Amino acid sequence: MKKQGNCFRQNVDQHDLVVAETSEFDLTEDRVYLVLYVNWSFLTILNDLGKEEQYADEHFRFYNGERVER
């Protein structure tokens, strides 16, 4: 089954591609990020500052090949 929609309370796996839905917390809205690790509902992402940080899954949606902003 194809993963789609917001990641909140969904089965996110390591190495999934996700799209930020916020420009807060050193993220860029509509930018694609790689999930490095998953810890319950927290995703470890390499943010815009080049730092690995944990973020709540609710701030992301699954990437499904759509065109997104850089």
PDB file of N, CA and C in Angstrom:
ATOM      1  N   MET A   1       0.835  -1.179   0.000  1.00  0.00           N
ATOM      2  CA  MET A   1       0.000   0.000   0.000  1.00  0.00           C
ATOM      3  C   MET A   1       0.885   1.249   0.000  1.00  0.00           C
ATOM      4  N   LYS A   2       0.552   2.192  -0.845  1.00  0.00           N
ATOM      5  CA  LYS A   2       1.321   3.418  -0.964  1.00  0.00           C
ATOM      6  C   LYS A   2       1.062   4.320   0.239  1.00  0.00           C
ATOM      7  N   LYS A   3       2.138   4.835   0.822  1.00  0.00           N
ATOM      8  CA  LYS A   3       2.008   5.764   1.941  1.00  0.00           C
ATOM      9  C   LYS A   3       1.667   7.136   1.396  1.00  0.00           C
ATOM     10  N   GLN A   4       0.685   7.780   2.010  1.00  0.00           N
ATOM     11  CA  GLN A   4       0.315   9.117   1.548  1.00  0.00           C
ATOM     12  C   GLN A   4      -0.288   9.917   2.680  1.00  0.00           C
ATOM     13  N   GLY A   5      -0.336  11.222   2.489  1.00  0.00           N
ATOM     14  CA  GLY A   5      -0.915  12.105   3.481  1.00  0.00           C
ATOM     15  C   GLY A   5       0.061  12.451   4.588  1.00  0.00           C
ATOM     16  N   ASN A   6      -0.479  13.057   5.629  1.00  0.00           N
ATOM     17  CA  ASN A   6       0.323  13.471   6.770  1.00  0.00           C
ATOM     18  C   ASN A   6       0.871  12.256   7.497  1.00  0.00           C
ATOM     19  N   CYS A   7       2.050  12.384   8.058  1.00  0.00           N
ATOM     20  CA  CYS A   7       2.720  11.276   8.749  1.00  0.00           C
ATOM     21  C   CYS A   7       2.213  11.054  10.173  1.00  0.00           C
ATOM     22  N   PHE A   8       1.378  11.956  10.688  1.00  0.00           N
ATOM     23  CA  PHE A   8       0.901  11.865  12.064  1.00  0.00           C
ATOM     24  C   PHE A   8       0.231  10.520  12.322  1.00  0.00           C
ATOM     25  N   ARG A   9       0.809   9.794  13.270  1.00  0.00           N
ATOM     26  CA  ARG A   9       0.309   8.476  13.687  1.00  0.00           C
ATOM     27  C   ARG A   9       0.250   7.459  12.548  1.00  0.00           C
ATOM     28  N   GLN A  10       1.130   7.623  11.566  1.00  0.00           N
ATOM     29  CA  GLN A  10       1.232   6.676  10.464  1.00  0.00           C
ATOM     30  C   GLN A  10       2.504   5.855  10.628  1.00  0.00           C
ATOM     31  N   ASN A  11       2.643   4.808   9.855  1.00  0.00           N
ATOM     32  CA  ASN A  11       3.810   3.942   9.919  1.00  0.00           C
ATOM     33  C   ASN A  11       4.932   4.525   9.058  1.00  0.00           C
ATOM     34  N   VAL A  12       5.768   5.354   9.677  1.00  0.00           N
ATOM     35  CA  VAL A  12       6.912   5.941   8.982  1.00  0.00           C
ATOM     36  C   VAL A  12       8.115   5.050   9.228  1.00  0.00           C
ATOM     37  N   ASP A  13       8.868   4.780   8.183  1.00  0.00           N
ATOM     38  CA  ASP A  13      10.035   3.908   8.283  1.00  0.00           C
ATOM     39  C   ASP A  13      11.321   4.689   8.040  1.00  0.00           C
ATOM     40  N   GLN A  14      12.406   4.127   8.552  1.00  0.00           N
ATOM     41  CA  GLN A  14      13.723   4.684   8.270  1.00  0.00           C
ATOM     42  C   GLN A  14      13.907   4.718   6.757  1.00  0.00           C
ATOM     43  N   HIS A  15      14.469   5.792   6.255  1.00  0.00           N
ATOM     44  CA  HIS A  15      14.764   6.031   4.842  1.00  0.00           C
ATOM     45  C   HIS A  15      13.548   6.427   4.005  1.00  0.00           C
ATOM     46  N   ASP A  16      12.380   6.631   4.636  1.00  0.00           N
ATOM     47  CA  ASP A  16      11.252   7.196   3.896  1.00  0.00           C
ATOM     48  C   ASP A  16      11.574   8.632   3.530  1.00  0.00           C
ATOM     49  N   LEU A  17      11.027   9.094   2.433  1.00  0.00           N
ATOM     50  CA  LEU A  17      11.118  10.499   2.072  1.00  0.00           C
ATOM     51  C   LEU A  17       9.855  11.190   2.559  1.00  0.00           C
ATOM     52  N   VAL A  18      10.040  12.339   3.223  1.00  0.00           N
ATOM     53  CA  VAL A  18       8.915  13.101   3.746  1.00  0.00           C
ATOM     54  C   VAL A  18       9.073  14.561   3.344  1.00  0.00           C
ATOM     55  N   VAL A  19       7.975  15.292   3.370  1.00  0.00           N
ATOM     56  CA  VAL A  19       7.958  16.700   2.997  1.00  0.00           C
ATOM     57  C   VAL A  19       7.543  17.510   4.218  1.00  0.00           C
ATOM     58  N   ALA A  20       8.311  18.542   4.543  1.00  0.00           N
ATOM     59  CA  ALA A  20       7.990  19.384   5.693  1.00  0.00           C
ATOM     60  C   ALA A  20       6.715  20.174   5.421  1.00  0.00           C
ATOM     61  N   GLU A  21       5.870  20.272   6.441  1.00  0.00           N
ATOM     62  CA  GLU A  21       4.659  21.077   6.350  1.00  0.00           C
ATOM     63  C   GLU A  21       4.769  22.331   7.210  1.00  0.00           C
ATOM     64  N   THR A  22       5.982  22.706   7.560  1.00  0.00           N
ATOM     65  CA  THR A  22       6.236  23.900   8.364  1.00  0.00           C
ATOM     66  C   THR A  22       7.575  24.499   7.969  1.00  0.00           C
ATOM     67  N   SER A  23       7.710  25.784   8.212  1.00  0.00           N
ATOM     68  CA  SER A  23       9.002  26.451   8.004  1.00  0.00           C
ATOM     69  C   SER A  23       9.661  26.774   9.334  1.00  0.00           C
ATOM     70  N   GLU A  24       9.129  26.228  10.403  1.00  0.00           N
ATOM     71  CA  GLU A  24       9.708  26.437  11.722  1.00  0.00           C
ATOM     72  C   GLU A  24      10.753  25.358  12.004  1.00  0.00           C
ATOM     73  N   PHE A  25      11.470  25.522  13.071  1.00  0.00           N
ATOM     74  CA  PHE A  25      12.386  24.497  13.589  1.00  0.00           C
ATOM     75  C   PHE A  25      13.518  24.152  12.634  1.00  0.00           C
ATOM     76  N   ASP A  26      14.016  25.143  11.889  1.00  0.00           N
ATOM     77  CA  ASP A  26      15.126  24.936  10.936  1.00  0.00           C
ATOM     78  C   ASP A  26      14.757  23.975   9.810  1.00  0.00           C
ATOM     79  N   LEU A  27      13.481  24.014   9.410  1.00  0.00           N
ATOM     80  CA  LEU A  27      12.984  23.256   8.264  1.00  0.00           C
ATOM     81  C   LEU A  27      12.462  24.242   7.230  1.00  0.00           C
ATOM     82  N   THR A  28      12.312  23.781   5.994  1.00  0.00           N
ATOM     83  CA  THR A  28      11.729  24.585   4.928  1.00  0.00           C
ATOM     84  C   THR A  28      10.452  23.911   4.455  1.00  0.00           C
ATOM     85  N   GLU A  29       9.347  24.638   4.511  1.00  0.00           N
ATOM     86  CA  GLU A  29       8.069  24.077   4.080  1.00  0.00           C
ATOM     87  C   GLU A  29       8.152  23.631   2.627  1.00  0.00           C
ATOM     88  N   ASP A  30       7.596  22.466   2.341  1.00  0.00           N
ATOM     89  CA  ASP A  30       7.559  21.833   1.017  1.00  0.00           C
ATOM     90  C   ASP A  30       8.907  21.304   0.545  1.00  0.00           C
ATOM     91  N   ARG A  31       9.879  21.218   1.410  1.00  0.00           N
ATOM     92  CA  ARG A  31      11.169  20.615   1.064  1.00  0.00           C
ATOM     93  C   ARG A  31      11.146  19.137   1.441  1.00  0.00           C
ATOM     94  N   VAL A  32      11.806  18.317   0.626  1.00  0.00           N
ATOM     95  CA  VAL A  32      11.872  16.870   0.871  1.00  0.00           C
ATOM     96  C   VAL A  32      13.039  16.561   1.803  1.00  0.00           C
ATOM     97  N   TYR A  33      12.790  15.704   2.785  1.00  0.00           N
ATOM     98  CA  TYR A  33      13.807  15.278   3.745  1.00  0.00           C
ATOM     99  C   TYR A  33      13.811  13.753   3.829  1.00  0.00           C
ATOM    100  N   LEU A  34      14.957  13.211   4.156  1.00  0.00           N
ATOM    101  CA  LEU A  34      15.121  11.772   4.353  1.00  0.00           C
ATOM    102  C   LEU A  34      15.010  11.463   5.848  1.00  0.00           C
ATOM    103  N   VAL A  35      14.205  10.473   6.189  1.00  0.00           N
ATOM    104  CA  VAL A  35      14.088  10.042   7.582  1.00  0.00           C
ATOM    105  C   VAL A  35      15.299   9.176   7.905  1.00  0.00           C
ATOM    106  N   LEU A  36      16.103   9.636   8.846  1.00  0.00           N
ATOM    107  CA  LEU A  36      17.303   8.896   9.237  1.00  0.00           C
ATOM    108  C   LEU A  36      16.977   7.812  10.253  1.00  0.00           C
ATOM    109  N   TYR A  37      16.126   8.144  11.219  1.00  0.00           N
ATOM    110  CA  TYR A  37      15.721   7.200  12.270  1.00  0.00           C
ATOM    111  C   TYR A  37      14.292   7.512  12.678  1.00  0.00           C
ATOM    112  N   VAL A  38      13.618   6.506  13.217  1.00  0.00           N
ATOM    113  CA  VAL A  38      12.264   6.675  13.739  1.00  0.00           C
ATOM    114  C   VAL A  38      12.253   6.212  15.189  1.00  0.00           C
ATOM    115  N   ASN A  39      11.711   7.061  16.066  1.00  0.00           N
ATOM    116  CA  ASN A  39      11.570   6.721  17.475  1.00  0.00           C
ATOM    117  C   ASN A  39      10.143   7.060  17.877  1.00  0.00           C
ATOM    118  N   TRP A  40       9.265   6.068  17.812  1.00  0.00           N
ATOM    119  CA  TRP A  40       7.831   6.234  18.054  1.00  0.00           C
ATOM    120  C   TRP A  40       7.279   7.262  17.096  1.00  0.00           C
ATOM    121  N   SER A  41       6.834   8.403  17.585  1.00  0.00           N
ATOM    122  CA  SER A  41       6.248   9.419  16.705  1.00  0.00           C
ATOM    123  C   SER A  41       7.236  10.545  16.393  1.00  0.00           C
ATOM    124  N   PHE A  42       8.516  10.305  16.650  1.00  0.00           N
ATOM    125  CA  PHE A  42       9.545  11.298  16.352  1.00  0.00           C
ATOM    126  C   PHE A  42      10.446  10.804  15.235  1.00  0.00           C
ATOM    127  N   LEU A  43      10.708  11.699  14.293  1.00  0.00           N
ATOM    128  CA  LEU A  43      11.546  11.380  13.143  1.00  0.00           C
ATOM    129  C   LEU A  43      12.851  12.149  13.255  1.00  0.00           C
ATOM    130  N   THR A  44      13.962  11.471  13.060  1.00  0.00           N
ATOM    131  CA  THR A  44      15.251  12.154  13.024  1.00  0.00           C
ATOM    132  C   THR A  44      15.530  12.529  11.578  1.00  0.00           C
ATOM    133  N   ILE A  45      15.724  13.839  11.387  1.00  0.00           N
ATOM    134  CA  ILE A  45      15.893  14.430  10.064  1.00  0.00           C
ATOM    135  C   ILE A  45      17.158  15.276  10.080  1.00  0.00           C
ATOM    136  N   LEU A  46      17.853  15.335   8.967  1.00  0.00           N
ATOM    137  CA  LEU A  46      18.968  16.273   8.809  1.00  0.00           C
ATOM    138  C   LEU A  46      18.343  17.598   8.386  1.00  0.00           C
ATOM    139  N   ASN A  47      18.349  18.589   9.297  1.00  0.00           N
ATOM    140  CA  ASN A  47      17.644  19.841   9.028  1.00  0.00           C
ATOM    141  C   ASN A  47      18.453  20.780   8.129  1.00  0.00           C
ATOM    142  N   ASP A  48      17.919  21.980   7.933  1.00  0.00           N
ATOM    143  CA  ASP A  48      18.550  22.941   7.022  1.00  0.00           C
ATOM    144  C   ASP A  48      19.888  23.463   7.526  1.00  0.00           C
ATOM    145  N   LEU A  49      20.171  23.277   8.802  1.00  0.00           N
ATOM    146  CA  LEU A  49      21.463  23.683   9.360  1.00  0.00           C
ATOM    147  C   LEU A  49      22.492  22.558   9.301  1.00  0.00           C
ATOM    148  N   GLY A  50      22.081  21.408   8.742  1.00  0.00           N
ATOM    149  CA  GLY A  50      22.977  20.268   8.639  1.00  0.00           C
ATOM    150  C   GLY A  50      23.090  19.468   9.927  1.00  0.00           C
ATOM    151  N   LYS A  51      22.143  19.679  10.854  1.00  0.00           N
ATOM    152  CA  LYS A  51      22.163  18.975  12.137  1.00  0.00           C
ATOM    153  C   LYS A  51      21.070  17.912  12.177  1.00  0.00           C
ATOM    154  N   GLU A  52      21.395  16.764  12.747  1.00  0.00           N
ATOM    155  CA  GLU A  52      20.380  15.744  12.980  1.00  0.00           C
ATOM    156  C   GLU A  52      19.530  16.173  14.165  1.00  0.00           C
ATOM    157  N   GLU A  53      18.223  16.291  13.940  1.00  0.00           N
ATOM    158  CA  GLU A  53      17.293  16.697  14.989  1.00  0.00           C
ATOM    159  C   GLU A  53      16.056  15.816  14.927  1.00  0.00           C
ATOM    160  N   GLN A  54      15.420  15.659  16.079  1.00  0.00           N
ATOM    161  CA  GLN A  54      14.165  14.915  16.136  1.00  0.00           C
ATOM    162  C   GLN A  54      12.993  15.872  16.008  1.00  0.00           C
ATOM    163  N   TYR A  55      12.027  15.477  15.200  1.00  0.00           N
ATOM    164  CA  TYR A  55      10.825  16.266  14.975  1.00  0.00           C
ATOM    165  C   TYR A  55       9.602  15.360  15.121  1.00  0.00           C
ATOM    166  N   ALA A  56       8.507  15.941  15.604  1.00  0.00           N
ATOM    167  CA  ALA A  56       7.247  15.202  15.683  1.00  0.00           C
ATOM    168  C   ALA A  56       6.764  14.884  14.268  1.00  0.00           C
ATOM    169  N   ASP A  57       6.220  13.693  14.101  1.00  0.00           N
ATOM    170  CA  ASP A  57       5.770  13.250  12.780  1.00  0.00           C
ATOM    171  C   ASP A  57       4.682  14.139  12.184  1.00  0.00           C
ATOM    172  N   GLU A  58       3.956  14.870  13.021  1.00  0.00           N
ATOM    173  CA  GLU A  58       2.860  15.714  12.544  1.00  0.00           C
ATOM    174  C   GLU A  58       3.328  16.867  11.659  1.00  0.00           C
ATOM    175  N   HIS A  59       4.622  17.158  11.637  1.00  0.00           N
ATOM    176  CA  HIS A  59       5.157  18.262  10.834  1.00  0.00           C
ATOM    177  C   HIS A  59       5.527  17.839   9.411  1.00  0.00           C
ATOM    178  N   PHE A  60       5.207  16.592   9.042  1.00  0.00           N
ATOM    179  CA  PHE A  60       5.607  16.060   7.731  1.00  0.00           C
ATOM    180  C   PHE A  60       4.470  15.311   7.062  1.00  0.00           C
ATOM    181  N   ARG A  61       4.563  15.231   5.737  1.00  0.00           N
ATOM    182  CA  ARG A  61       3.682  14.353   4.957  1.00  0.00           C
ATOM    183  C   ARG A  61       4.581  13.448   4.121  1.00  0.00           C
ATOM    184  N   PHE A  62       4.038  12.338   3.678  1.00  0.00           N
ATOM    185  CA  PHE A  62       4.807  11.421   2.845  1.00  0.00           C
ATOM    186  C   PHE A  62       5.046  12.041   1.469  1.00  0.00           C
ATOM    187  N   TYR A  63       6.256  11.853   0.954  1.00  0.00           N
ATOM    188  CA  TYR A  63       6.600  12.303  -0.393  1.00  0.00           C
ATOM    189  C   TYR A  63       6.148  11.241  -1.375  1.00  0.00           C
ATOM    190  N   ASN A  64       5.386  11.661  -2.395  1.00  0.00           N
ATOM    191  CA  ASN A  64       4.866  10.720  -3.378  1.00  0.00           C
ATOM    192  C   ASN A  64       5.224  11.106  -4.800  1.00  0.00           C
ATOM    193  N   GLY A  65       6.389  11.716  -4.963  1.00  0.00           N
ATOM    194  CA  GLY A  65       6.859  12.053  -6.292  1.00  0.00           C
ATOM    195  C   GLY A  65       6.305  13.353  -6.829  1.00  0.00           C
ATOM    196  N   GLU A  66       5.521  14.075  -6.008  1.00  0.00           N
ATOM    197  CA  GLU A  66       4.978  15.336  -6.487  1.00  0.00           C
ATOM    198  C   GLU A  66       6.076  16.384  -6.591  1.00  0.00           C
ATOM    199  N   ARG A  67       5.832  17.379  -7.393  1.00  0.00           N
ATOM    200  CA  ARG A  67       6.795  18.478  -7.520  1.00  0.00           C
ATOM    201  C   ARG A  67       6.720  19.339  -6.263  1.00  0.00           C
ATOM    202  N   VAL A  68       7.858  19.601  -5.672  1.00  0.00           N
ATOM    203  CA  VAL A  68       7.900  20.414  -4.465  1.00  0.00           C
ATOM    204  C   VAL A  68       8.899  21.539  -4.658  1.00  0.00           C
ATOM    205  N   GLU A  69       8.761  22.567  -3.834  1.00  0.00           N
ATOM    206  CA  GLU A  69       9.663  23.711  -3.904  1.00  0.00           C
ATOM    207  C   GLU A  69      11.018  23.331  -3.308  1.00  0.00           C
ATOM    208  N   ARG A  70      12.065  24.018  -3.746  1.00  0.00           N
ATOM    209  CA  ARG A  70      13.396  23.818  -3.177  1.00  0.00           C
ATOM    210  C   ARG A  70      13.644  24.833  -2.113  1.00  0.00           C
TER     211      ARG A  70
END
